[in-house]
Amino acid sequence: MSRFLAGRFGESALAVLGVVTIVFVVTRLLGDPAILMLPVGATPEQLASFRAELGIDRPLFTQYVDFLWDAARGDFGRSFQHNRAAFEVVLERMPATLQLAGSAIALGLIIGGGAGLIAAMNRGGVIEVFVMLLALLGQATPVFWLGLLLILFFAVDLGWFPTGGGGSFRHLVLPAVTLATFTSASIARLLRSSVIDVLREDYVRTARAKGLMPRTVVVWHIARNALIPVATMVGILAGELLGGSVVTETVFAWPGVGRVIVQAIEVKDFPVVQAGIMLIAITFVSINFVVDLLYGVLDPRIRLR
């Protein structure tokens, strides 16, 4: 077990190091920050002084080592727009993003899990065709279009929910439903396929032959084994929701990390962009680490590999 945990932790650490390196390289390829941030007509002395203040006048390897050390301490510099520590600006928006992504995942598991199980248990029938058709539509619908459609119908026409913003449950409903649509559809299709595969296994036929109640067979023999690929999907979807909720947060003016990153890009506030990308990446890696641990719970044989 300790070897299993050490291996997964090492892989997560390498992934974070890779993200840090990519962020460092990309920000250096964007151009000279002094030219981008200082007003037009800045003197060479002002440019040199600003480069020295940012530390970009030193050798590239020295900059990389310093960047690693600062990133480990959560120091990405000060936001030019907010005149505060960039990591603090991003961190205070993280609860809103986690709330939105968590709500979408919860809705996806409830709706998609139930729909996928119903479709699998009614294989070859009208119910399966109907559920899979809805799942296909859910995956094919663009997020931004669905969000605008929900705003027009439920916020503008009916007035049931606000058109945007945050701060209450009513503000959360529409963006959460928008994100949960794709999540539910993906989980439903994968769970259906996984359950159908499990139904063909010998241990399911043996459990039924022993006279176990159908509910016991479904819960303990079918659902538990079918959840292993679903756990992978949920981990991937959680990362996509954290990084891909930028569009939804922008459409609904949701005060999350994605929206603050977009605003920072517009004004060339690179410290906030770096801090936001790093925070999302670390959260994504952490989620996948938890999913790896969940594998060991769902299938103890994985811990022996």
C-alpha atoms as a PDB file:
ATOM      1  CA  MET A   1       0.000   0.000   0.000  1.00  0.00           C
ATOM      2  CA  SER A   2       2.815   2.411   0.873  1.00  0.00           C
ATOM      3  CA  ARG A   3       4.477   1.664  -2.467  1.00  0.00           C
ATOM      4  CA  PHE A   4       1.199   2.374  -4.251  1.00  0.00           C
ATOM      5  CA  LEU A   5       0.824   5.747  -2.484  1.00  0.00           C
ATOM      6  CA  ALA A   6       4.463   6.700  -3.049  1.00  0.00           C
ATOM      7  CA  GLY A   7       4.218   5.940  -6.752  1.00  0.00           C
ATOM      8  CA  ARG A   8       1.043   7.980  -7.219  1.00  0.00           C
ATOM      9  CA  PHE A   9       2.459  10.882  -5.176  1.00  0.00           C
ATOM     10  CA  GLY A  10       5.648  10.880  -7.261  1.00  0.00           C
ATOM     11  CA  GLU A  11       3.655  10.975 -10.493  1.00  0.00           C
ATOM     12  CA  SER A  12       1.587  13.884  -9.169  1.00  0.00           C
ATOM     13  CA  ALA A  13       4.722  15.803  -8.170  1.00  0.00           C
ATOM     14  CA  LEU A  14       6.214  15.301 -11.646  1.00  0.00           C
ATOM     15  CA  ALA A  15       2.990  16.530 -13.227  1.00  0.00           C
ATOM     16  CA  VAL A  16       3.050  19.708 -11.135  1.00  0.00           C
ATOM     17  CA  LEU A  17       6.720  20.256 -12.023  1.00  0.00           C
ATOM     18  CA  GLY A  18       5.848  19.879 -15.696  1.00  0.00           C
ATOM     19  CA  VAL A  19       3.077  22.463 -15.408  1.00  0.00           C
ATOM     20  CA  VAL A  20       5.413  24.902 -13.640  1.00  0.00           C
ATOM     21  CA  THR A  21       7.979  24.472 -16.405  1.00  0.00           C
ATOM     22  CA  ILE A  22       5.405  24.986 -19.160  1.00  0.00           C
ATOM     23  CA  VAL A  23       4.070  28.130 -17.476  1.00  0.00           C
ATOM     24  CA  PHE A  24       7.616  29.495 -17.171  1.00  0.00           C
ATOM     25  CA  VAL A  25       8.455  28.792 -20.832  1.00  0.00           C
ATOM     26  CA  VAL A  26       5.171  30.149 -22.209  1.00  0.00           C
ATOM     27  CA  THR A  27       5.361  33.388 -20.236  1.00  0.00           C
ATOM     28  CA  ARG A  28       8.917  33.942 -21.479  1.00  0.00           C
ATOM     29  CA  LEU A  29       7.790  33.353 -25.077  1.00  0.00           C
ATOM     30  CA  LEU A  30       5.050  35.981 -24.840  1.00  0.00           C
ATOM     31  CA  GLY A  31       7.616  38.764 -25.147  1.00  0.00           C
ATOM     32  CA  ASP A  32       9.394  41.264 -22.974  1.00  0.00           C
ATOM     33  CA  PRO A  33       7.078  42.100 -20.040  1.00  0.00           C
ATOM     34  CA  ALA A  34       8.728  45.493 -19.656  1.00  0.00           C
ATOM     35  CA  ILE A  35       7.673  46.521 -23.180  1.00  0.00           C
ATOM     36  CA  LEU A  36       4.173  45.103 -22.679  1.00  0.00           C
ATOM     37  CA  MET A  37       3.539  46.666 -19.274  1.00  0.00           C
ATOM     38  CA  LEU A  38       5.262  50.053 -19.409  1.00  0.00           C
ATOM     39  CA  PRO A  39       3.598  52.857 -21.350  1.00  0.00           C
ATOM     40  CA  VAL A  40       4.658  53.653 -24.897  1.00  0.00           C
ATOM     41  CA  GLY A  41       7.692  55.922 -24.989  1.00  0.00           C
ATOM     42  CA  ALA A  42       9.379  54.534 -21.872  1.00  0.00           C
ATOM     43  CA  THR A  43      13.079  55.336 -21.793  1.00  0.00           C
ATOM     44  CA  PRO A  44      15.772  52.620 -21.971  1.00  0.00           C
ATOM     45  CA  GLU A  45      16.641  53.382 -18.339  1.00  0.00           C
ATOM     46  CA  GLN A  46      13.027  52.785 -17.265  1.00  0.00           C
ATOM     47  CA  LEU A  47      12.907  49.527 -19.230  1.00  0.00           C
ATOM     48  CA  ALA A  48      16.179  48.327 -17.691  1.00  0.00           C
ATOM     49  CA  SER A  49      15.022  49.274 -14.186  1.00  0.00           C
ATOM     50  CA  PHE A  50      11.704  47.438 -14.651  1.00  0.00           C
ATOM     51  CA  ARG A  51      13.460  44.333 -15.999  1.00  0.00           C
ATOM     52  CA  ALA A  52      15.761  44.344 -12.965  1.00  0.00           C
ATOM     53  CA  GLU A  53      12.744  44.706 -10.656  1.00  0.00           C
ATOM     54  CA  LEU A  54      11.073  41.677 -12.272  1.00  0.00           C
ATOM     55  CA  GLY A  55      14.346  39.728 -12.335  1.00  0.00           C
ATOM     56  CA  ILE A  56      14.167  39.021 -16.076  1.00  0.00           C
ATOM     57  CA  ASP A  57      17.598  40.547 -16.733  1.00  0.00           C
ATOM     58  CA  ARG A  58      19.302  37.509 -15.178  1.00  0.00           C
ATOM     59  CA  PRO A  59      20.319  34.273 -16.971  1.00  0.00           C
ATOM     60  CA  LEU A  60      17.383  32.088 -18.023  1.00  0.00           C
ATOM     61  CA  PHE A  61      18.349  29.147 -15.822  1.00  0.00           C
ATOM     62  CA  THR A  62      18.611  31.444 -12.789  1.00  0.00           C
ATOM     63  CA  GLN A  63      15.161  32.808 -13.590  1.00  0.00           C
ATOM     64  CA  TYR A  64      13.809  29.246 -13.797  1.00  0.00           C
ATOM     65  CA  VAL A  65      15.263  28.244 -10.413  1.00  0.00           C
ATOM     66  CA  ASP A  66      13.899  31.417  -8.820  1.00  0.00           C
ATOM     67  CA  PHE A  67      10.514  30.792 -10.438  1.00  0.00           C
ATOM     68  CA  LEU A  68      10.414  27.254  -9.004  1.00  0.00           C
ATOM     69  CA  TRP A  69      11.257  28.536  -5.543  1.00  0.00           C
ATOM     70  CA  ASP A  70       8.700  31.333  -5.711  1.00  0.00           C
ATOM     71  CA  ALA A  71       6.019  28.975  -7.049  1.00  0.00           C
ATOM     72  CA  ALA A  72       6.677  26.546  -4.186  1.00  0.00           C
ATOM     73  CA  ARG A  73       6.031  29.433  -1.773  1.00  0.00           C
ATOM     74  CA  GLY A  74       2.970  30.623  -3.697  1.00  0.00           C
ATOM     75  CA  ASP A  75       4.724  33.848  -4.705  1.00  0.00           C
ATOM     76  CA  PHE A  76       3.872  34.863  -8.286  1.00  0.00           C
ATOM     77  CA  GLY A  77       4.456  38.567  -7.833  1.00  0.00           C
ATOM     78  CA  ARG A  78       1.995  41.412  -7.426  1.00  0.00           C
ATOM     79  CA  SER A  79      -1.011  41.972  -9.615  1.00  0.00           C
ATOM     80  CA  PHE A  80      -0.613  45.095 -11.741  1.00  0.00           C
ATOM     81  CA  GLN A  81      -4.363  45.582 -11.884  1.00  0.00           C
ATOM     82  CA  HIS A  82      -5.227  44.965  -8.219  1.00  0.00           C
ATOM     83  CA  ASN A  83      -1.884  45.999  -6.648  1.00  0.00           C
ATOM     84  CA  ARG A  84      -1.992  42.910  -4.423  1.00  0.00           C
ATOM     85  CA  ALA A  85      -0.296  39.534  -4.333  1.00  0.00           C
ATOM     86  CA  ALA A  86      -1.409  37.705  -7.478  1.00  0.00           C
ATOM     87  CA  PHE A  87      -1.945  34.418  -5.649  1.00  0.00           C
ATOM     88  CA  GLU A  88      -4.281  36.119  -3.165  1.00  0.00           C
ATOM     89  CA  VAL A  89      -6.330  37.584  -6.034  1.00  0.00           C
ATOM     90  CA  VAL A  90      -6.774  34.126  -7.559  1.00  0.00           C
ATOM     91  CA  LEU A  91      -7.181  32.244  -4.288  1.00  0.00           C
ATOM     92  CA  GLU A  92     -10.129  34.346  -3.168  1.00  0.00           C
ATOM     93  CA  ARG A  93     -11.941  33.398  -6.383  1.00  0.00           C
ATOM     94  CA  MET A  94     -11.230  29.679  -6.024  1.00  0.00           C
ATOM     95  CA  PRO A  95     -14.185  28.892  -3.692  1.00  0.00           C
ATOM     96  CA  ALA A  96     -16.626  30.148  -6.333  1.00  0.00           C
ATOM     97  CA  THR A  97     -15.037  27.956  -9.029  1.00  0.00           C
ATOM     98  CA  LEU A  98     -15.000  24.920  -6.733  1.00  0.00           C
ATOM     99  CA  GLN A  99     -18.628  25.546  -5.832  1.00  0.00           C
ATOM    100  CA  LEU A 100     -19.633  25.706  -9.489  1.00  0.00           C
ATOM    101  CA  ALA A 101     -17.548  22.708 -10.568  1.00  0.00           C
ATOM    102  CA  GLY A 102     -18.598  20.657  -7.527  1.00  0.00           C
ATOM    103  CA  SER A 103     -22.280  21.362  -8.170  1.00  0.00           C
ATOM    104  CA  ALA A 104     -21.905  20.362 -11.813  1.00  0.00           C
ATOM    105  CA  ILE A 105     -20.122  17.119 -10.882  1.00  0.00           C
ATOM    106  CA  ALA A 106     -22.748  16.281  -8.241  1.00  0.00           C
ATOM    107  CA  LEU A 107     -25.588  16.874 -10.707  1.00  0.00           C
ATOM    108  CA  GLY A 108     -23.719  14.883 -13.340  1.00  0.00           C
ATOM    109  CA  LEU A 109     -23.265  11.901 -11.036  1.00  0.00           C
ATOM    110  CA  ILE A 110     -26.885  11.919  -9.916  1.00  0.00           C
ATOM    111  CA  ILE A 111     -28.490  12.459 -13.314  1.00  0.00           C
ATOM    112  CA  GLY A 112     -25.921  10.735 -15.492  1.00  0.00           C
ATOM    113  CA  GLY A 113     -25.410   7.837 -13.112  1.00  0.00           C
ATOM    114  CA  GLY A 114     -29.110   7.145 -12.839  1.00  0.00           C
ATOM    115  CA  ALA A 115     -29.680   7.534 -16.568  1.00  0.00           C
ATOM    116  CA  GLY A 116     -26.771   5.268 -17.488  1.00  0.00           C
ATOM    117  CA  LEU A 117     -27.867   2.548 -15.082  1.00  0.00           C
ATOM    118  CA  ILE A 118     -31.473   2.703 -16.316  1.00  0.00           C
ATOM    119  CA  ALA A 119     -30.324   2.496 -19.938  1.00  0.00           C
ATOM    120  CA  ALA A 120     -28.092  -0.502 -19.230  1.00  0.00           C
ATOM    121  CA  MET A 121     -30.747  -2.404 -17.306  1.00  0.00           C
ATOM    122  CA  ASN A 122     -33.239  -1.800 -20.161  1.00  0.00           C
ATOM    123  CA  ARG A 123     -30.820  -2.777 -22.905  1.00  0.00           C
ATOM    124  CA  GLY A 124     -32.403  -3.014 -26.351  1.00  0.00           C
ATOM    125  CA  GLY A 125     -35.601  -1.231 -25.334  1.00  0.00           C
ATOM    126  CA  VAL A 126     -37.182   2.130 -26.054  1.00  0.00           C
ATOM    127  CA  ILE A 127     -35.951   3.539 -22.731  1.00  0.00           C
ATOM    128  CA  GLU A 128     -32.337   2.883 -23.646  1.00  0.00           C
ATOM    129  CA  VAL A 129     -32.736   4.551 -27.042  1.00  0.00           C
ATOM    130  CA  PHE A 130     -34.410   7.599 -25.483  1.00  0.00           C
ATOM    131  CA  VAL A 131     -31.786   8.003 -22.742  1.00  0.00           C
ATOM    132  CA  MET A 132     -28.869   7.616 -25.165  1.00  0.00           C
ATOM    133  CA  LEU A 133     -30.453  10.128 -27.552  1.00  0.00           C
ATOM    134  CA  LEU A 134     -30.663  12.681 -24.749  1.00  0.00           C
ATOM    135  CA  ALA A 135     -27.065  11.909 -23.779  1.00  0.00           C
ATOM    136  CA  LEU A 136     -25.908  12.429 -27.358  1.00  0.00           C
ATOM    137  CA  LEU A 137     -27.685  15.787 -27.506  1.00  0.00           C
ATOM    138  CA  GLY A 138     -26.146  16.773 -24.176  1.00  0.00           C
ATOM    139  CA  GLN A 139     -22.635  16.074 -25.422  1.00  0.00           C
ATOM    140  CA  ALA A 140     -23.189  17.804 -28.766  1.00  0.00           C
ATOM    141  CA  THR A 141     -24.689  21.028 -27.397  1.00  0.00           C
ATOM    142  CA  PRO A 142     -22.162  23.913 -27.133  1.00  0.00           C
ATOM    143  CA  VAL A 143     -21.822  25.180 -23.569  1.00  0.00           C
ATOM    144  CA  PHE A 144     -21.996  28.872 -24.453  1.00  0.00           C
ATOM    145  CA  TRP A 145     -25.127  28.374 -26.592  1.00  0.00           C
ATOM    146  CA  LEU A 146     -26.882  26.389 -23.871  1.00  0.00           C
ATOM    147  CA  GLY A 147     -25.957  29.003 -21.278  1.00  0.00           C
ATOM    148  CA  LEU A 148     -27.375  31.842 -23.377  1.00  0.00           C
ATOM    149  CA  LEU A 149     -30.520  29.792 -24.058  1.00  0.00           C
ATOM    150  CA  LEU A 150     -31.077  29.181 -20.344  1.00  0.00           C
ATOM    151  CA  ILE A 151     -30.552  32.878 -19.598  1.00  0.00           C
ATOM    152  CA  LEU A 152     -33.076  33.931 -22.240  1.00  0.00           C
ATOM    153  CA  PHE A 153     -35.743  31.459 -21.127  1.00  0.00           C
ATOM    154  CA  PHE A 154     -35.387  31.132 -17.335  1.00  0.00           C
ATOM    155  CA  ALA A 155     -33.912  34.542 -16.485  1.00  0.00           C
ATOM    156  CA  VAL A 156     -35.249  36.982 -19.080  1.00  0.00           C
ATOM    157  CA  ASP A 157     -38.615  35.473 -20.047  1.00  0.00           C
ATOM    158  CA  LEU A 158     -39.657  33.746 -16.803  1.00  0.00           C
ATOM    159  CA  GLY A 159     -37.568  35.784 -14.361  1.00  0.00           C
ATOM    160  CA  TRP A 160     -36.948  32.777 -12.123  1.00  0.00           C
ATOM    161  CA  PHE A 161     -33.182  33.262 -11.839  1.00  0.00           C
ATOM    162  CA  PRO A 162     -30.711  36.142 -12.172  1.00  0.00           C
ATOM    163  CA  THR A 163     -29.000  36.625 -15.527  1.00  0.00           C
ATOM    164  CA  GLY A 164     -25.541  36.536 -13.940  1.00  0.00           C
ATOM    165  CA  GLY A 165     -23.362  37.226 -10.941  1.00  0.00           C
ATOM    166  CA  GLY A 166     -22.875  35.245  -7.763  1.00  0.00           C
ATOM    167  CA  GLY A 167     -23.612  35.211  -4.070  1.00  0.00           C
ATOM    168  CA  SER A 168     -26.708  33.043  -3.680  1.00  0.00           C
ATOM    169  CA  PHE A 169     -28.166  29.679  -4.626  1.00  0.00           C
ATOM    170  CA  ARG A 170     -30.313  31.282  -7.337  1.00  0.00           C
ATOM    171  CA  HIS A 171     -27.182  32.601  -9.031  1.00  0.00           C
ATOM    172  CA  LEU A 172     -25.661  29.097  -9.001  1.00  0.00           C
ATOM    173  CA  VAL A 173     -28.512  27.152 -10.612  1.00  0.00           C
ATOM    174  CA  LEU A 174     -28.192  28.154 -14.273  1.00  0.00           C
ATOM    175  CA  PRO A 175     -24.385  27.930 -14.620  1.00  0.00           C
ATOM    176  CA  ALA A 176     -24.340  24.637 -12.696  1.00  0.00           C
ATOM    177  CA  VAL A 177     -27.021  23.143 -14.948  1.00  0.00           C
ATOM    178  CA  THR A 178     -25.141  24.398 -18.018  1.00  0.00           C
ATOM    179  CA  LEU A 179     -21.934  22.647 -16.974  1.00  0.00           C
ATOM    180  CA  ALA A 180     -23.751  19.560 -15.694  1.00  0.00           C
ATOM    181  CA  THR A 181     -25.398  18.894 -19.060  1.00  0.00           C
ATOM    182  CA  PHE A 182     -22.211  17.696 -20.737  1.00  0.00           C
ATOM    183  CA  THR A 183     -21.064  15.963 -17.535  1.00  0.00           C
ATOM    184  CA  SER A 184     -24.325  14.033 -17.165  1.00  0.00           C
ATOM    185  CA  ALA A 185     -24.279  12.952 -20.798  1.00  0.00           C
ATOM    186  CA  SER A 186     -20.682  11.715 -20.617  1.00  0.00           C
ATOM    187  CA  ILE A 187     -21.219   9.779 -17.398  1.00  0.00           C
ATOM    188  CA  ALA A 188     -24.478   8.246 -18.658  1.00  0.00           C
ATOM    189  CA  ARG A 189     -22.914   6.898 -21.854  1.00  0.00           C
ATOM    190  CA  LEU A 190     -19.816   5.538 -20.121  1.00  0.00           C
ATOM    191  CA  LEU A 191     -21.724   3.959 -17.233  1.00  0.00           C
ATOM    192  CA  ARG A 192     -24.131   2.275 -19.637  1.00  0.00           C
ATOM    193  CA  SER A 193     -21.261   0.687 -21.566  1.00  0.00           C
ATOM    194  CA  SER A 194     -19.465  -0.286 -18.377  1.00  0.00           C
ATOM    195  CA  VAL A 195     -22.542  -1.898 -16.816  1.00  0.00           C
ATOM    196  CA  ILE A 196     -23.262  -3.861 -19.998  1.00  0.00           C
ATOM    197  CA  ASP A 197     -19.696  -5.205 -19.953  1.00  0.00           C
ATOM    198  CA  VAL A 198     -20.006  -6.188 -16.286  1.00  0.00           C
ATOM    199  CA  LEU A 199     -23.322  -7.943 -16.899  1.00  0.00           C
ATOM    200  CA  ARG A 200     -21.463 -10.431 -19.127  1.00  0.00           C
ATOM    201  CA  GLU A 201     -19.032 -11.428 -16.373  1.00  0.00           C
ATOM    202  CA  ASP A 202     -19.194 -14.864 -14.760  1.00  0.00           C
ATOM    203  CA  TYR A 203     -19.398 -13.533 -11.202  1.00  0.00           C
ATOM    204  CA  VAL A 204     -22.667 -11.724 -12.028  1.00  0.00           C
ATOM    205  CA  ARG A 205     -24.222 -14.916 -13.375  1.00  0.00           C
ATOM    206  CA  THR A 206     -22.947 -16.782 -10.320  1.00  0.00           C
ATOM    207  CA  ALA A 207     -24.463 -14.201  -7.964  1.00  0.00           C
ATOM    208  CA  ARG A 208     -27.813 -14.514  -9.696  1.00  0.00           C
ATOM    209  CA  ALA A 209     -27.589 -18.299  -9.676  1.00  0.00           C
ATOM    210  CA  LYS A 210     -27.018 -18.229  -5.914  1.00  0.00           C
ATOM    211  CA  GLY A 211     -30.414 -16.564  -5.544  1.00  0.00           C
ATOM    212  CA  LEU A 212     -29.216 -13.144  -4.372  1.00  0.00           C
ATOM    213  CA  MET A 213     -31.745 -10.334  -4.490  1.00  0.00           C
ATOM    214  CA  PRO A 214     -31.570  -8.226  -7.689  1.00  0.00           C
ATOM    215  CA  ARG A 215     -30.795  -5.087  -5.645  1.00  0.00           C
ATOM    216  CA  THR A 216     -27.834  -6.822  -3.996  1.00  0.00           C
ATOM    217  CA  VAL A 217     -26.493  -7.984  -7.349  1.00  0.00           C
ATOM    218  CA  VAL A 218     -26.806  -4.507  -8.848  1.00  0.00           C
ATOM    219  CA  VAL A 219     -25.230  -2.639  -5.917  1.00  0.00           C
ATOM    220  CA  TRP A 220     -22.458  -4.995  -4.800  1.00  0.00           C
ATOM    221  CA  HIS A 221     -21.548  -6.884  -7.966  1.00  0.00           C
ATOM    222  CA  ILE A 222     -22.465  -4.666 -10.921  1.00  0.00           C
ATOM    223  CA  ALA A 223     -22.309  -1.037  -9.812  1.00  0.00           C
ATOM    224  CA  ARG A 224     -19.089  -1.335  -7.814  1.00  0.00           C
ATOM    225  CA  ASN A 225     -17.121  -2.868 -10.685  1.00  0.00           C
ATOM    226  CA  ALA A 226     -18.705  -0.606 -13.289  1.00  0.00           C
ATOM    227  CA  LEU A 227     -17.659   2.499 -11.334  1.00  0.00           C
ATOM    228  CA  ILE A 228     -13.924   2.035 -11.991  1.00  0.00           C
ATOM    229  CA  PRO A 229     -13.946   3.595 -15.500  1.00  0.00           C
ATOM    230  CA  VAL A 230     -16.519   6.113 -14.311  1.00  0.00           C
ATOM    231  CA  ALA A 231     -14.105   7.240 -11.588  1.00  0.00           C
ATOM    232  CA  THR A 232     -11.561   7.953 -14.309  1.00  0.00           C
ATOM    233  CA  MET A 233     -14.129   9.929 -16.262  1.00  0.00           C
ATOM    234  CA  VAL A 234     -15.151  11.945 -13.201  1.00  0.00           C
ATOM    235  CA  GLY A 235     -11.531  12.864 -12.508  1.00  0.00           C
ATOM    236  CA  ILE A 236     -11.038  14.021 -16.097  1.00  0.00           C
ATOM    237  CA  LEU A 237     -14.337  15.911 -16.119  1.00  0.00           C
ATOM    238  CA  ALA A 238     -13.493  17.625 -12.835  1.00  0.00           C
ATOM    239  CA  GLY A 239     -10.265  18.918 -14.330  1.00  0.00           C
ATOM    240  CA  GLU A 240     -12.065  20.025 -17.487  1.00  0.00           C
ATOM    241  CA  LEU A 241     -14.690  21.832 -15.428  1.00  0.00           C
ATOM    242  CA  LEU A 242     -12.045  23.688 -13.421  1.00  0.00           C
ATOM    243  CA  GLY A 243     -10.147  24.774 -16.510  1.00  0.00           C
ATOM    244  CA  GLY A 244     -12.993  24.827 -19.003  1.00  0.00           C
ATOM    245  CA  SER A 245     -15.532  26.697 -16.898  1.00  0.00           C
ATOM    246  CA  VAL A 246     -14.004  29.920 -18.247  1.00  0.00           C
ATOM    247  CA  VAL A 247     -16.708  30.174 -20.901  1.00  0.00           C
ATOM    248  CA  THR A 248     -19.538  29.491 -18.470  1.00  0.00           C
ATOM    249  CA  GLU A 249     -18.134  31.887 -15.870  1.00  0.00           C
ATOM    250  CA  THR A 250     -17.847  34.564 -18.549  1.00  0.00           C
ATOM    251  CA  VAL A 251     -21.383  34.003 -19.882  1.00  0.00           C
ATOM    252  CA  PHE A 252     -22.939  34.118 -16.416  1.00  0.00           C
ATOM    253  CA  ALA A 253     -20.446  36.671 -14.958  1.00  0.00           C
ATOM    254  CA  TRP A 254     -19.671  34.083 -12.284  1.00  0.00           C
ATOM    255  CA  PRO A 255     -16.898  35.425  -9.981  1.00  0.00           C
ATOM    256  CA  GLY A 256     -14.548  32.451 -10.355  1.00  0.00           C
ATOM    257  CA  VAL A 257     -10.937  31.828 -11.292  1.00  0.00           C
ATOM    258  CA  GLY A 258     -11.698  31.433 -14.995  1.00  0.00           C
ATOM    259  CA  ARG A 259     -13.264  34.879 -15.222  1.00  0.00           C
ATOM    260  CA  VAL A 260     -10.440  36.580 -13.336  1.00  0.00           C
ATOM    261  CA  ILE A 261      -7.896  34.909 -15.656  1.00  0.00           C
ATOM    262  CA  VAL A 262      -9.746  36.223 -18.720  1.00  0.00           C
ATOM    263  CA  GLN A 263      -9.814  39.704 -17.215  1.00  0.00           C
ATOM    264  CA  ALA A 264      -6.097  39.457 -16.404  1.00  0.00           C
ATOM    265  CA  ILE A 265      -5.263  38.424 -19.978  1.00  0.00           C
ATOM    266  CA  GLU A 266      -7.168  41.418 -21.338  1.00  0.00           C
ATOM    267  CA  VAL A 267      -5.052  43.864 -19.289  1.00  0.00           C
ATOM    268  CA  LYS A 268      -1.804  41.821 -19.561  1.00  0.00           C
ATOM    269  CA  ASP A 269      -1.719  41.111 -15.813  1.00  0.00           C
ATOM    270  CA  PHE A 270       0.685  38.177 -16.198  1.00  0.00           C
ATOM    271  CA  PRO A 271       1.268  37.441 -12.475  1.00  0.00           C
ATOM    272  CA  VAL A 272      -2.460  36.757 -12.047  1.00  0.00           C
ATOM    273  CA  VAL A 273      -2.498  34.596 -15.191  1.00  0.00           C
ATOM    274  CA  GLN A 274       0.436  32.541 -13.884  1.00  0.00           C
ATOM    275  CA  ALA A 275      -1.099  32.169 -10.432  1.00  0.00           C
ATOM    276  CA  GLY A 276      -4.471  31.161 -11.874  1.00  0.00           C
ATOM    277  CA  ILE A 277      -3.039  28.536 -14.206  1.00  0.00           C
ATOM    278  CA  MET A 278      -0.899  27.083 -11.434  1.00  0.00           C
ATOM    279  CA  LEU A 279      -3.793  26.913  -8.968  1.00  0.00           C
ATOM    280  CA  ILE A 280      -6.056  25.178 -11.478  1.00  0.00           C
ATOM    281  CA  ALA A 281      -3.279  22.760 -12.450  1.00  0.00           C
ATOM    282  CA  ILE A 282      -2.485  21.857  -8.846  1.00  0.00           C
ATOM    283  CA  THR A 283      -6.181  21.316  -8.124  1.00  0.00           C
ATOM    284  CA  PHE A 284      -6.508  19.130 -11.224  1.00  0.00           C
ATOM    285  CA  VAL A 285      -3.481  17.016 -10.236  1.00  0.00           C
ATOM    286  CA  SER A 286      -4.837  16.690  -6.685  1.00  0.00           C
ATOM    287  CA  ILE A 287      -8.184  15.469  -7.990  1.00  0.00           C
ATOM    288  CA  ASN A 288      -6.480  12.836 -10.134  1.00  0.00           C
ATOM    289  CA  PHE A 289      -4.418  11.759  -7.118  1.00  0.00           C
ATOM    290  CA  VAL A 290      -7.623  11.226  -5.152  1.00  0.00           C
ATOM    291  CA  VAL A 291      -9.079   9.280  -8.105  1.00  0.00           C
ATOM    292  CA  ASP A 292      -6.012   7.017  -8.109  1.00  0.00           C
ATOM    293  CA  LEU A 293      -6.588   6.332  -4.424  1.00  0.00           C
ATOM    294  CA  LEU A 294     -10.237   5.620  -5.172  1.00  0.00           C
ATOM    295  CA  TYR A 295      -9.116   2.935  -7.617  1.00  0.00           C
ATOM    296  CA  GLY A 296      -7.538   1.080  -4.714  1.00  0.00           C
ATOM    297  CA  VAL A 297     -10.801   1.245  -2.794  1.00  0.00           C
ATOM    298  CA  LEU A 298     -12.966   0.047  -5.684  1.00  0.00           C
ATOM    299  CA  ASP A 299     -10.525  -2.646  -6.808  1.00  0.00           C
ATOM    300  CA  PRO A 300      -7.969  -3.785  -4.164  1.00  0.00           C
ATOM    301  CA  ARG A 301      -5.986  -5.619  -6.871  1.00  0.00           C
ATOM    302  CA  ILE A 302      -4.780  -2.256  -8.183  1.00  0.00           C
ATOM    303  CA  ARG A 303      -2.912  -1.598  -4.923  1.00  0.00           C
ATOM    304  CA  LEU A 304      -0.752  -4.659  -5.567  1.00  0.00           C
ATOM    305  CA  ARG A 305       0.549  -3.444  -8.924  1.00  0.00           C
END
